[in-house]
Amino acid sequence: MDLSWLDDFLAVIDGGGLPRAADARHLTPDALARRLRALEDWVGAPLFEREDGTFTLTDAGRRFRPVAEEVLRRLLQGREETRAVAQADATALRFATTPALALTVFPSWLRGLEQKGRLGSVSLTSDGLEAGEQALLSGRVQFLLCHAHPATPRPRQSGDALQSILVGTDRLLPVCAPDAEGQPRHPLPGRPESPLPALSYSRESGLGRILEAVRNAAPPPDSGSTPITPLWLNTVFTAPTTPILRTLARDGRGVAWLPESLIAEDLARGRLVAAGESAWAVPLQIRLVRHRARQSKAMEGFWSLAVEAALWRADARAPEPILNGVEIFTEKDM
């Protein structure tokens, strides 16, 4: 059915007959009559009684009139609502990040950019790196803020579709609860006969992916490189997010590699202590990732703002710390 037939039907009723309705619809009377017959064929019943050139509604026509009015009203309402949503969506910024960065880096980083330009509405999801990657690749979000490491590959489905900028640095530190004397309760590296209880990330965790990649990239003892002291660990708990592992580490359940941005206050207050030497720390990048394809004006404006603000800091060689242990700066990485 052609929806314009509904407008024709109502125009005949409102105009009191075919000539006025045809004029209002910018049609000839014969063309309008043919369209009315097509509508009646689709409905399966005559809608008008045609006598001496007049058009009077039949019982079926009277029953059909409110249906036609409601269909057109809802279509117009739906169109306006859809346009409003599209307009709001065009100006909204949608981010995904990890729970650790949502608690620490994201608020301060975004606040710094808001001081340089109006951003509009912002929405954030923090379901972990794997979920964030899928949201970015499917277009549900425009940006992904995440920890990264050169040893960690890009998402398998992305190919060359993504680009990123470096917006900060962080570290994964091996930490545990202190003993009564303030020393690590579970000091690295442990011993073969008594491995240390380890709090580990599950497979969907981005930080777990980084730790695995770094350990796999370590040179073997016979490679000629400086050997790395082996760690003797026994995984006693696995979780997908750092806040859970931080709580367990503070409770003395084991040693965990946690982002310095997340545990800076715990370290300062002595709730957590380094479990070993700094050589066991893992350097991290904090990256903002997006699709290469050009998108909305609001998104492109934000991307330019983020790149320019970070490049200014890099050019000035004056990284600005936003949290203890975390510096924010960036470089182009196209």
C-alpha atoms as a PDB file:
ATOM      1  CA  MET A   1       0.000   0.000   0.000  1.00  0.00           C
ATOM      2  CA  ASP A   2       1.097   3.559  -0.771  1.00  0.00           C
ATOM      3  CA  LEU A   3       0.832   5.631   2.427  1.00  0.00           C
ATOM      4  CA  SER A   4      -0.128   8.687   0.374  1.00  0.00           C
ATOM      5  CA  TRP A   5      -3.456   6.953  -0.289  1.00  0.00           C
ATOM      6  CA  LEU A   6      -4.349   7.637   3.347  1.00  0.00           C
ATOM      7  CA  ASP A   7      -3.772  11.343   2.783  1.00  0.00           C
ATOM      8  CA  ASP A   8      -5.978  11.113  -0.341  1.00  0.00           C
ATOM      9  CA  PHE A   9      -8.735   9.406   1.642  1.00  0.00           C
ATOM     10  CA  LEU A  10      -8.722  12.036   4.391  1.00  0.00           C
ATOM     11  CA  ALA A  11      -8.475  14.894   1.877  1.00  0.00           C
ATOM     12  CA  VAL A  12     -11.729  13.779   0.227  1.00  0.00           C
ATOM     13  CA  ILE A  13     -13.442  13.747   3.614  1.00  0.00           C
ATOM     14  CA  ASP A  14     -12.043  17.131   4.690  1.00  0.00           C
ATOM     15  CA  GLY A  15     -12.648  18.736   1.281  1.00  0.00           C
ATOM     16  CA  GLY A  16     -16.224  17.566   1.036  1.00  0.00           C
ATOM     17  CA  GLY A  17     -15.737  15.960  -2.360  1.00  0.00           C
ATOM     18  CA  LEU A  18     -13.410  14.979  -5.147  1.00  0.00           C
ATOM     19  CA  PRO A  19     -12.684  18.341  -6.893  1.00  0.00           C
ATOM     20  CA  ARG A  20     -11.482  20.202  -3.808  1.00  0.00           C
ATOM     21  CA  ALA A  21      -9.536  17.183  -2.591  1.00  0.00           C
ATOM     22  CA  ALA A  22      -7.844  16.778  -5.984  1.00  0.00           C
ATOM     23  CA  ASP A  23      -6.860  20.427  -5.979  1.00  0.00           C
ATOM     24  CA  ALA A  24      -5.462  20.153  -2.439  1.00  0.00           C
ATOM     25  CA  ARG A  25      -3.503  17.053  -3.388  1.00  0.00           C
ATOM     26  CA  HIS A  26      -2.253  18.596  -6.657  1.00  0.00           C
ATOM     27  CA  LEU A  27      -3.864  15.805  -8.668  1.00  0.00           C
ATOM     28  CA  THR A  28      -6.487  15.627 -11.368  1.00  0.00           C
ATOM     29  CA  PRO A  29      -9.884  14.320 -10.225  1.00  0.00           C
ATOM     30  CA  ASP A  30      -9.433  11.202 -12.367  1.00  0.00           C
ATOM     31  CA  ALA A  31      -5.999  10.463 -10.836  1.00  0.00           C
ATOM     32  CA  LEU A  32      -7.354  10.937  -7.326  1.00  0.00           C
ATOM     33  CA  ALA A  33     -10.294   8.659  -8.073  1.00  0.00           C
ATOM     34  CA  ARG A  34      -7.942   5.924  -9.277  1.00  0.00           C
ATOM     35  CA  ARG A  35      -5.885   6.203  -6.080  1.00  0.00           C
ATOM     36  CA  LEU A  36      -9.028   5.947  -3.938  1.00  0.00           C
ATOM     37  CA  ARG A  37     -10.046   2.783  -5.802  1.00  0.00           C
ATOM     38  CA  ALA A  38      -6.572   1.349  -5.204  1.00  0.00           C
ATOM     39  CA  LEU A  39      -6.975   2.022  -1.471  1.00  0.00           C
ATOM     40  CA  GLU A  40     -10.370   0.345  -1.444  1.00  0.00           C
ATOM     41  CA  ASP A  41      -8.923  -2.655  -3.262  1.00  0.00           C
ATOM     42  CA  TRP A  42      -6.209  -2.887  -0.595  1.00  0.00           C
ATOM     43  CA  VAL A  43      -8.724  -2.551   2.281  1.00  0.00           C
ATOM     44  CA  GLY A  44     -11.072  -5.005   0.604  1.00  0.00           C
ATOM     45  CA  ALA A  45     -14.213  -2.884   1.018  1.00  0.00           C
ATOM     46  CA  PRO A  46     -15.740   0.242  -0.531  1.00  0.00           C
ATOM     47  CA  LEU A  47     -14.992   3.321   1.578  1.00  0.00           C
ATOM     48  CA  PHE A  48     -17.216   5.797  -0.287  1.00  0.00           C
ATOM     49  CA  GLU A  49     -20.681   5.772  -1.817  1.00  0.00           C
ATOM     50  CA  ARG A  50     -20.454   7.597  -5.122  1.00  0.00           C
ATOM     51  CA  GLU A  51     -23.726   9.205  -6.215  1.00  0.00           C
ATOM     52  CA  ASP A  52     -24.087  12.142  -8.568  1.00  0.00           C
ATOM     53  CA  GLY A  53     -20.419  13.070  -8.158  1.00  0.00           C
ATOM     54  CA  THR A  54     -20.607  13.151  -4.362  1.00  0.00           C
ATOM     55  CA  PHE A  55     -18.507  10.981  -2.074  1.00  0.00           C
ATOM     56  CA  THR A  56     -20.143   9.794   1.171  1.00  0.00           C
ATOM     57  CA  LEU A  57     -18.450   7.493   3.640  1.00  0.00           C
ATOM     58  CA  THR A  58     -19.753   3.968   3.892  1.00  0.00           C
ATOM     59  CA  ASP A  59     -19.920   2.158   7.233  1.00  0.00           C
ATOM     60  CA  ALA A  60     -16.548   0.622   6.350  1.00  0.00           C
ATOM     61  CA  GLY A  61     -15.235   4.089   5.492  1.00  0.00           C
ATOM     62  CA  ARG A  62     -16.370   5.474   8.846  1.00  0.00           C
ATOM     63  CA  ARG A  63     -14.681   2.584  10.606  1.00  0.00           C
ATOM     64  CA  PHE A  64     -11.500   3.066   8.583  1.00  0.00           C
ATOM     65  CA  ARG A  65     -11.252   6.853   9.089  1.00  0.00           C
ATOM     66  CA  PRO A  66      -9.838   6.817  12.683  1.00  0.00           C
ATOM     67  CA  VAL A  67      -7.453   4.055  11.636  1.00  0.00           C
ATOM     68  CA  ALA A  68      -6.063   6.194   8.819  1.00  0.00           C
ATOM     69  CA  GLU A  69      -5.803   9.241  11.087  1.00  0.00           C
ATOM     70  CA  GLU A  70      -3.993   7.285  13.800  1.00  0.00           C
ATOM     71  CA  VAL A  71      -1.555   5.673  11.341  1.00  0.00           C
ATOM     72  CA  LEU A  72      -0.577   9.043   9.892  1.00  0.00           C
ATOM     73  CA  ARG A  73      -0.358  10.655  13.346  1.00  0.00           C
ATOM     74  CA  ARG A  74       1.932   7.937  14.646  1.00  0.00           C
ATOM     75  CA  LEU A  75       4.093   8.053  11.531  1.00  0.00           C
ATOM     76  CA  LEU A  76       4.572  11.806  11.868  1.00  0.00           C
ATOM     77  CA  GLN A  77       5.250  11.484  15.582  1.00  0.00           C
ATOM     78  CA  GLY A  78       7.716   8.669  14.944  1.00  0.00           C
ATOM     79  CA  ARG A  79       9.478  10.723  12.296  1.00  0.00           C
ATOM     80  CA  GLU A  80       9.906  13.675  14.652  1.00  0.00           C
ATOM     81  CA  GLU A  81      11.133  11.456  17.484  1.00  0.00           C
ATOM     82  CA  THR A  82      13.562   9.712  15.161  1.00  0.00           C
ATOM     83  CA  ARG A  83      14.921  13.029  13.920  1.00  0.00           C
ATOM     84  CA  ALA A  84      15.356  14.195  17.517  1.00  0.00           C
ATOM     85  CA  VAL A  85      17.225  11.021  18.419  1.00  0.00           C
ATOM     86  CA  ALA A  86      19.420  11.295  15.328  1.00  0.00           C
ATOM     87  CA  GLN A  87      20.212  14.910  16.134  1.00  0.00           C
ATOM     88  CA  ALA A  88      21.090  14.071  19.730  1.00  0.00           C
ATOM     89  CA  ASP A  89      23.110  11.063  18.591  1.00  0.00           C
ATOM     90  CA  ALA A  90      25.066  13.225  16.168  1.00  0.00           C
ATOM     91  CA  THR A  91      26.264  15.422  19.035  1.00  0.00           C
ATOM     92  CA  ALA A  92      26.727  12.698  21.675  1.00  0.00           C
ATOM     93  CA  LEU A  93      30.108  11.164  22.460  1.00  0.00           C
ATOM     94  CA  ARG A  94      30.068   7.464  23.337  1.00  0.00           C
ATOM     95  CA  PHE A  95      33.020   5.890  25.134  1.00  0.00           C
ATOM     96  CA  ALA A  96      33.966   2.450  26.331  1.00  0.00           C
ATOM     97  CA  THR A  97      36.725   1.799  28.826  1.00  0.00           C
ATOM     98  CA  THR A  98      37.798  -0.662  31.493  1.00  0.00           C
ATOM     99  CA  PRO A  99      36.602  -0.548  35.118  1.00  0.00           C
ATOM    100  CA  ALA A 100      40.080   0.486  36.315  1.00  0.00           C
ATOM    101  CA  LEU A 101      40.351   3.443  33.925  1.00  0.00           C
ATOM    102  CA  ALA A 102      36.720   4.424  34.533  1.00  0.00           C
ATOM    103  CA  LEU A 103      37.574   4.869  38.218  1.00  0.00           C
ATOM    104  CA  THR A 104      40.859   6.697  37.728  1.00  0.00           C
ATOM    105  CA  VAL A 105      42.076   8.157  34.445  1.00  0.00           C
ATOM    106  CA  PHE A 106      38.875   8.737  32.452  1.00  0.00           C
ATOM    107  CA  PRO A 107      37.224  11.375  34.699  1.00  0.00           C
ATOM    108  CA  SER A 108      40.366  13.506  35.044  1.00  0.00           C
ATOM    109  CA  TRP A 109      41.329  13.153  31.383  1.00  0.00           C
ATOM    110  CA  LEU A 110      37.848  14.148  30.208  1.00  0.00           C
ATOM    111  CA  ARG A 111      37.700  17.049  32.655  1.00  0.00           C
ATOM    112  CA  GLY A 112      40.946  18.388  31.227  1.00  0.00           C
ATOM    113  CA  LEU A 113      39.515  18.321  27.706  1.00  0.00           C
ATOM    114  CA  GLU A 114      36.280  19.958  28.822  1.00  0.00           C
ATOM    115  CA  GLN A 115      38.326  22.946  29.929  1.00  0.00           C
ATOM    116  CA  LYS A 116      39.530  23.359  26.331  1.00  0.00           C
ATOM    117  CA  GLY A 117      36.193  23.072  24.544  1.00  0.00           C
ATOM    118  CA  ARG A 118      32.508  22.218  24.885  1.00  0.00           C
ATOM    119  CA  LEU A 119      31.976  18.476  24.498  1.00  0.00           C
ATOM    120  CA  GLY A 120      28.192  18.042  24.690  1.00  0.00           C
ATOM    121  CA  SER A 121      26.648  14.884  26.143  1.00  0.00           C
ATOM    122  CA  VAL A 122      28.892  11.933  27.032  1.00  0.00           C
ATOM    123  CA  SER A 123      27.989   8.304  27.704  1.00  0.00           C
ATOM    124  CA  LEU A 124      30.371   5.696  29.121  1.00  0.00           C
ATOM    125  CA  THR A 125      30.354   1.917  29.399  1.00  0.00           C
ATOM    126  CA  SER A 126      32.986   0.039  31.397  1.00  0.00           C
ATOM    127  CA  ASP A 127      32.502  -3.684  30.861  1.00  0.00           C
ATOM    128  CA  GLY A 128      36.130  -4.622  30.222  1.00  0.00           C
ATOM    129  CA  LEU A 129      38.495  -4.473  27.262  1.00  0.00           C
ATOM    130  CA  GLU A 130      37.010  -7.322  25.243  1.00  0.00           C
ATOM    131  CA  ALA A 131      33.490  -5.901  25.509  1.00  0.00           C
ATOM    132  CA  GLY A 132      34.834  -2.429  24.715  1.00  0.00           C
ATOM    133  CA  GLU A 133      36.593  -3.681  21.591  1.00  0.00           C
ATOM    134  CA  GLN A 134      33.402  -5.329  20.375  1.00  0.00           C
ATOM    135  CA  ALA A 135      31.401  -2.174  21.075  1.00  0.00           C
ATOM    136  CA  LEU A 136      33.897  -0.103  19.084  1.00  0.00           C
ATOM    137  CA  LEU A 137      34.043  -2.506  16.148  1.00  0.00           C
ATOM    138  CA  SER A 138      30.236  -2.746  15.991  1.00  0.00           C
ATOM    139  CA  GLY A 139      29.786   1.034  16.165  1.00  0.00           C
ATOM    140  CA  ARG A 140      27.972   1.082  19.509  1.00  0.00           C
ATOM    141  CA  VAL A 141      30.682   3.421  20.828  1.00  0.00           C
ATOM    142  CA  GLN A 142      32.955   5.881  19.036  1.00  0.00           C
ATOM    143  CA  PHE A 143      36.007   5.722  21.307  1.00  0.00           C
ATOM    144  CA  LEU A 144      37.780   3.146  23.442  1.00  0.00           C
ATOM    145  CA  LEU A 145      40.110   4.267  26.231  1.00  0.00           C
ATOM    146  CA  CYS A 146      42.272   1.347  27.297  1.00  0.00           C
ATOM    147  CA  HIS A 147      45.604   0.133  28.600  1.00  0.00           C
ATOM    148  CA  ALA A 148      47.916  -1.184  25.914  1.00  0.00           C
ATOM    149  CA  HIS A 149      51.389  -2.628  25.431  1.00  0.00           C
ATOM    150  CA  PRO A 150      53.496  -3.040  22.258  1.00  0.00           C
ATOM    151  CA  ALA A 151      53.605  -6.801  22.841  1.00  0.00           C
ATOM    152  CA  THR A 152      49.828  -7.059  22.726  1.00  0.00           C
ATOM    153  CA  PRO A 153      48.212  -7.503  19.280  1.00  0.00           C
ATOM    154  CA  ARG A 154      45.298  -5.454  18.003  1.00  0.00           C
ATOM    155  CA  PRO A 155      41.776  -6.912  18.054  1.00  0.00           C
ATOM    156  CA  ARG A 156      41.693  -9.736  15.526  1.00  0.00           C
ATOM    157  CA  GLN A 157      38.676  -8.360  13.636  1.00  0.00           C
ATOM    158  CA  SER A 158      40.009  -4.820  13.296  1.00  0.00           C
ATOM    159  CA  GLY A 159      42.659  -5.123  10.571  1.00  0.00           C
ATOM    160  CA  ASP A 160      43.726  -1.589   9.684  1.00  0.00           C
ATOM    161  CA  ALA A 161      40.320  -0.102  10.508  1.00  0.00           C
ATOM    162  CA  LEU A 162      41.425   1.422  13.819  1.00  0.00           C
ATOM    163  CA  GLN A 163      43.793   4.193  14.804  1.00  0.00           C
ATOM    164  CA  SER A 164      44.909   5.359  18.230  1.00  0.00           C
ATOM    165  CA  ILE A 165      46.788   8.029  20.100  1.00  0.00           C
ATOM    166  CA  LEU A 166      48.845   7.652  23.236  1.00  0.00           C
ATOM    167  CA  VAL A 167      47.231   9.715  25.981  1.00  0.00           C
ATOM    168  CA  GLY A 168      49.141   8.542  29.020  1.00  0.00           C
ATOM    169  CA  THR A 169      51.365   6.042  30.771  1.00  0.00           C
ATOM    170  CA  ASP A 170      50.821   3.705  33.673  1.00  0.00           C
ATOM    171  CA  ARG A 171      52.486   0.651  35.219  1.00  0.00           C
ATOM    172  CA  LEU A 172      51.389  -2.757  36.409  1.00  0.00           C
ATOM    173  CA  LEU A 173      52.978  -3.164  39.816  1.00  0.00           C
ATOM    174  CA  PRO A 174      53.231  -6.439  41.738  1.00  0.00           C
ATOM    175  CA  VAL A 175      51.730  -5.639  45.122  1.00  0.00           C
ATOM    176  CA  CYS A 176      50.375  -7.383  48.192  1.00  0.00           C
ATOM    177  CA  ALA A 177      49.242  -6.567  51.712  1.00  0.00           C
ATOM    178  CA  PRO A 178      51.934  -5.675  54.261  1.00  0.00           C
ATOM    179  CA  ASP A 179      52.771  -7.790  57.289  1.00  0.00           C
ATOM    180  CA  ALA A 180      52.872  -6.437  60.836  1.00  0.00           C
ATOM    181  CA  GLU A 181      56.252  -4.800  60.160  1.00  0.00           C
ATOM    182  CA  GLY A 182      55.148  -3.166  56.911  1.00  0.00           C
ATOM    183  CA  GLN A 183      57.028  -5.659  54.722  1.00  0.00           C
ATOM    184  CA  PRO A 184      55.348  -7.541  51.858  1.00  0.00           C
ATOM    185  CA  ARG A 185      53.349 -10.471  53.136  1.00  0.00           C
ATOM    186  CA  HIS A 186      54.036 -12.357  49.883  1.00  0.00           C
ATOM    187  CA  PRO A 187      57.517 -11.243  48.690  1.00  0.00           C
ATOM    188  CA  LEU A 188      58.600 -12.088  45.150  1.00  0.00           C
ATOM    189  CA  PRO A 189      59.892 -14.250  43.605  1.00  0.00           C
ATOM    190  CA  GLY A 190      58.701 -17.059  45.875  1.00  0.00           C
ATOM    191  CA  ARG A 191      60.253 -20.513  46.038  1.00  0.00           C
ATOM    192  CA  PRO A 192      59.618 -23.738  44.119  1.00  0.00           C
ATOM    193  CA  GLU A 193      58.678 -25.549  47.294  1.00  0.00           C
ATOM    194  CA  SER A 194      56.302 -22.770  48.422  1.00  0.00           C
ATOM    195  CA  PRO A 195      54.946 -20.737  45.483  1.00  0.00           C
ATOM    196  CA  LEU A 196      53.236 -17.473  46.316  1.00  0.00           C
ATOM    197  CA  PRO A 197      49.446 -17.184  46.114  1.00  0.00           C
ATOM    198  CA  ALA A 198      48.679 -15.192  42.977  1.00  0.00           C
ATOM    199  CA  LEU A 199      45.593 -13.152  42.111  1.00  0.00           C
ATOM    200  CA  SER A 200      45.207 -13.315  38.345  1.00  0.00           C
ATOM    201  CA  TYR A 201      43.140 -11.783  35.560  1.00  0.00           C
ATOM    202  CA  SER A 202      40.713 -13.874  33.560  1.00  0.00           C
ATOM    203  CA  ARG A 203      41.102 -14.277  29.798  1.00  0.00           C
ATOM    204  CA  GLU A 204      38.707 -11.487  28.821  1.00  0.00           C
ATOM    205  CA  SER A 205      40.742  -8.955  30.791  1.00  0.00           C
ATOM    206  CA  GLY A 206      42.935  -6.587  28.784  1.00  0.00           C
ATOM    207  CA  LEU A 207      45.521  -6.409  31.561  1.00  0.00           C
ATOM    208  CA  GLY A 208      45.604 -10.186  31.743  1.00  0.00           C
ATOM    209  CA  ARG A 209      46.250 -10.242  27.996  1.00  0.00           C
ATOM    210  CA  ILE A 210      49.126  -7.788  28.459  1.00  0.00           C
ATOM    211  CA  LEU A 211      50.700  -9.754  31.316  1.00  0.00           C
ATOM    212  CA  GLU A 212      50.538 -12.973  29.318  1.00  0.00           C
ATOM    213  CA  ALA A 213      52.083 -11.317  26.254  1.00  0.00           C
ATOM    214  CA  VAL A 214      54.925  -9.771  28.282  1.00  0.00           C
ATOM    215  CA  ARG A 215      55.745 -13.045  30.008  1.00  0.00           C
ATOM    216  CA  ASN A 216      55.681 -14.930  26.709  1.00  0.00           C
ATOM    217  CA  ALA A 217      58.054 -12.330  25.227  1.00  0.00           C
ATOM    218  CA  ALA A 218      60.629 -12.751  28.018  1.00  0.00           C
ATOM    219  CA  PRO A 219      63.983 -14.060  26.692  1.00  0.00           C
ATOM    220  CA  PRO A 220      64.744 -17.699  27.508  1.00  0.00           C
ATOM    221  CA  PRO A 221      67.695 -18.444  29.788  1.00  0.00           C
ATOM    222  CA  ASP A 222      69.889 -19.651  26.871  1.00  0.00           C
ATOM    223  CA  SER A 223      69.189 -16.681  24.557  1.00  0.00           C
ATOM    224  CA  GLY A 224      72.217 -14.649  25.591  1.00  0.00           C
ATOM    225  CA  SER A 225      70.028 -11.902  27.043  1.00  0.00           C
ATOM    226  CA  THR A 226      69.946 -11.102  30.715  1.00  0.00           C
ATOM    227  CA  PRO A 227      67.829 -13.877  32.245  1.00  0.00           C
ATOM    228  CA  ILE A 228      64.801 -12.913  34.256  1.00  0.00           C
ATOM    229  CA  THR A 229      64.497 -14.399  37.715  1.00  0.00           C
ATOM    230  CA  PRO A 230      61.690 -16.964  37.575  1.00  0.00           C
ATOM    231  CA  LEU A 231      58.580 -16.340  39.607  1.00  0.00           C
ATOM    232  CA  TRP A 232      57.062 -19.093  41.666  1.00  0.00           C
ATOM    233  CA  LEU A 233      53.342 -18.439  41.747  1.00  0.00           C
ATOM    234  CA  ASN A 234      50.205 -20.441  42.385  1.00  0.00           C
ATOM    235  CA  THR A 235      47.001 -18.861  41.109  1.00  0.00           C
ATOM    236  CA  VAL A 236      44.422 -18.960  43.892  1.00  0.00           C
ATOM    237  CA  PHE A 237      41.866 -16.527  42.484  1.00  0.00           C
ATOM    238  CA  THR A 238      40.915 -15.292  39.004  1.00  0.00           C
ATOM    239  CA  ALA A 239      38.770 -12.242  38.229  1.00  0.00           C
ATOM    240  CA  PRO A 240      38.039 -10.125  35.125  1.00  0.00           C
ATOM    241  CA  THR A 241      38.496  -6.686  36.709  1.00  0.00           C
ATOM    242  CA  THR A 242      41.163  -4.917  38.727  1.00  0.00           C
ATOM    243  CA  PRO A 243      38.904  -3.538  41.504  1.00  0.00           C
ATOM    244  CA  ILE A 244      38.139  -7.104  42.601  1.00  0.00           C
ATOM    245  CA  LEU A 245      41.809  -8.088  42.595  1.00  0.00           C
ATOM    246  CA  ARG A 246      42.725  -4.926  44.491  1.00  0.00           C
ATOM    247  CA  THR A 247      40.252  -5.778  47.257  1.00  0.00           C
ATOM    248  CA  LEU A 248      41.593  -9.316  47.526  1.00  0.00           C
ATOM    249  CA  ALA A 249      45.201  -8.079  47.583  1.00  0.00           C
ATOM    250  CA  ARG A 250      44.381  -5.621  50.366  1.00  0.00           C
ATOM    251  CA  ASP A 251      42.796  -8.492  52.292  1.00  0.00           C
ATOM    252  CA  GLY A 252      46.097 -10.387  52.136  1.00  0.00           C
ATOM    253  CA  ARG A 253      44.880 -13.109  49.768  1.00  0.00           C
ATOM    254  CA  GLY A 254      47.919 -12.947  47.478  1.00  0.00           C
ATOM    255  CA  VAL A 255      50.097 -10.915  45.125  1.00  0.00           C
ATOM    256  CA  ALA A 256      48.546  -9.113  42.145  1.00  0.00           C
ATOM    257  CA  TRP A 257      49.829  -6.962  39.271  1.00  0.00           C
ATOM    258  CA  LEU A 258      47.673  -3.836  39.505  1.00  0.00           C
ATOM    259  CA  PRO A 259      47.703  -0.490  37.644  1.00  0.00           C
ATOM    260  CA  GLU A 260      49.575   2.173  39.557  1.00  0.00           C
ATOM    261  CA  SER A 261      46.810   4.638  38.673  1.00  0.00           C
ATOM    262  CA  LEU A 262      44.353   2.498  40.648  1.00  0.00           C
ATOM    263  CA  ILE A 263      46.461   1.777  43.732  1.00  0.00           C
ATOM    264  CA  ALA A 264      48.398   5.037  44.193  1.00  0.00           C
ATOM    265  CA  GLU A 265      46.429   5.916  47.330  1.00  0.00           C
ATOM    266  CA  ASP A 266      46.714   2.357  48.687  1.00  0.00           C
ATOM    267  CA  LEU A 267      50.490   2.556  48.338  1.00  0.00           C
ATOM    268  CA  ALA A 268      50.638   5.989  49.944  1.00  0.00           C
ATOM    269  CA  ARG A 269      48.566   4.845  52.923  1.00  0.00           C
ATOM    270  CA  GLY A 270      50.370   1.538  53.296  1.00  0.00           C
ATOM    271  CA  ARG A 271      47.356  -0.618  52.557  1.00  0.00           C
ATOM    272  CA  LEU A 272      49.407  -2.226  49.771  1.00  0.00           C
ATOM    273  CA  VAL A 273      53.179  -2.516  49.348  1.00  0.00           C
ATOM    274  CA  ALA A 274      55.434  -3.516  46.472  1.00  0.00           C
ATOM    275  CA  ALA A 275      55.857  -7.271  46.471  1.00  0.00           C
ATOM    276  CA  GLY A 276      59.237  -7.108  44.763  1.00  0.00           C
ATOM    277  CA  GLU A 277      61.737  -5.093  42.771  1.00  0.00           C
ATOM    278  CA  SER A 278      60.705  -2.586  40.100  1.00  0.00           C
ATOM    279  CA  ALA A 279      62.104  -4.941  37.445  1.00  0.00           C
ATOM    280  CA  TRP A 280      58.881  -6.945  37.765  1.00  0.00           C
ATOM    281  CA  ALA A 281      56.739  -3.905  36.953  1.00  0.00           C
ATOM    282  CA  VAL A 282      55.196  -3.805  33.481  1.00  0.00           C
ATOM    283  CA  PRO A 283      55.057  -0.422  31.666  1.00  0.00           C
ATOM    284  CA  LEU A 284      51.661   0.403  30.196  1.00  0.00           C
ATOM    285  CA  GLN A 285      50.331   2.797  27.624  1.00  0.00           C
ATOM    286  CA  ILE A 286      46.926   4.436  27.904  1.00  0.00           C
ATOM    287  CA  ARG A 287      45.460   4.801  24.418  1.00  0.00           C
ATOM    288  CA  LEU A 288      42.390   6.369  22.863  1.00  0.00           C
ATOM    289  CA  VAL A 289      41.218   4.183  19.973  1.00  0.00           C
ATOM    290  CA  ARG A 290      38.742   4.995  17.188  1.00  0.00           C
ATOM    291  CA  HIS A 291      37.751   3.935  13.668  1.00  0.00           C
ATOM    292  CA  ARG A 292      39.788   5.526  10.885  1.00  0.00           C
ATOM    293  CA  ALA A 293      36.634   6.308   8.887  1.00  0.00           C
ATOM    294  CA  ARG A 294      35.405   9.866   9.300  1.00  0.00           C
ATOM    295  CA  GLN A 295      32.302  10.109  11.471  1.00  0.00           C
ATOM    296  CA  SER A 296      30.089  12.795  12.999  1.00  0.00           C
ATOM    297  CA  LYS A 297      31.149  16.417  13.316  1.00  0.00           C
ATOM    298  CA  ALA A 298      31.006  16.153  17.118  1.00  0.00           C
ATOM    299  CA  MET A 299      33.234  13.070  17.147  1.00  0.00           C
ATOM    300  CA  GLU A 300      35.787  14.544  14.772  1.00  0.00           C
ATOM    301  CA  GLY A 301      35.839  17.746  16.787  1.00  0.00           C
ATOM    302  CA  PHE A 302      36.526  15.832  19.977  1.00  0.00           C
ATOM    303  CA  TRP A 303      39.267  13.778  18.320  1.00  0.00           C
ATOM    304  CA  SER A 304      41.000  16.939  17.130  1.00  0.00           C
ATOM    305  CA  LEU A 305      40.698  18.427  20.606  1.00  0.00           C
ATOM    306  CA  ALA A 306      42.176  15.322  22.241  1.00  0.00           C
ATOM    307  CA  VAL A 307      45.078  15.133  19.789  1.00  0.00           C
ATOM    308  CA  GLU A 308      45.884  18.835  19.919  1.00  0.00           C
ATOM    309  CA  ALA A 309      45.728  19.047  23.703  1.00  0.00           C
ATOM    310  CA  ALA A 310      48.031  16.086  24.128  1.00  0.00           C
ATOM    311  CA  LEU A 311      50.428  17.158  21.398  1.00  0.00           C
ATOM    312  CA  TRP A 312      50.760  20.552  23.062  1.00  0.00           C
ATOM    313  CA  ARG A 313      51.920  18.842  26.232  1.00  0.00           C
ATOM    314  CA  ALA A 314      54.335  16.645  24.313  1.00  0.00           C
ATOM    315  CA  ASP A 315      55.762  19.595  22.387  1.00  0.00           C
ATOM    316  CA  ALA A 316      56.174  21.531  25.618  1.00  0.00           C
ATOM    317  CA  ARG A 317      57.901  18.479  27.100  1.00  0.00           C
ATOM    318  CA  ALA A 318      55.870  19.070  30.224  1.00  0.00           C
ATOM    319  CA  PRO A 319      53.624  16.060  30.828  1.00  0.00           C
ATOM    320  CA  GLU A 320      50.892  16.893  33.299  1.00  0.00           C
ATOM    321  CA  PRO A 321      50.332  14.286  36.031  1.00  0.00           C
ATOM    322  CA  ILE A 322      46.660  13.676  36.628  1.00  0.00           C
ATOM    323  CA  LEU A 323      47.133  11.057  39.324  1.00  0.00           C
ATOM    324  CA  ASN A 324      50.048   9.783  41.348  1.00  0.00           C
ATOM    325  CA  GLY A 325      52.144   7.678  39.021  1.00  0.00           C
ATOM    326  CA  VAL A 326      50.248   8.598  35.856  1.00  0.00           C
ATOM    327  CA  GLU A 327      51.227  11.205  33.290  1.00  0.00           C
ATOM    328  CA  ILE A 328      49.023  12.336  30.453  1.00  0.00           C
ATOM    329  CA  PHE A 329      50.574  13.171  27.118  1.00  0.00           C
ATOM    330  CA  THR A 330      50.206  11.908  23.577  1.00  0.00           C
ATOM    331  CA  GLU A 331      51.780  11.421  20.221  1.00  0.00           C
ATOM    332  CA  LYS A 332      50.270  10.837  16.810  1.00  0.00           C
ATOM    333  CA  ASP A 333      50.084   7.196  15.881  1.00  0.00           C
ATOM    334  CA  MET A 334      48.369   6.961  12.512  1.00  0.00           C
END
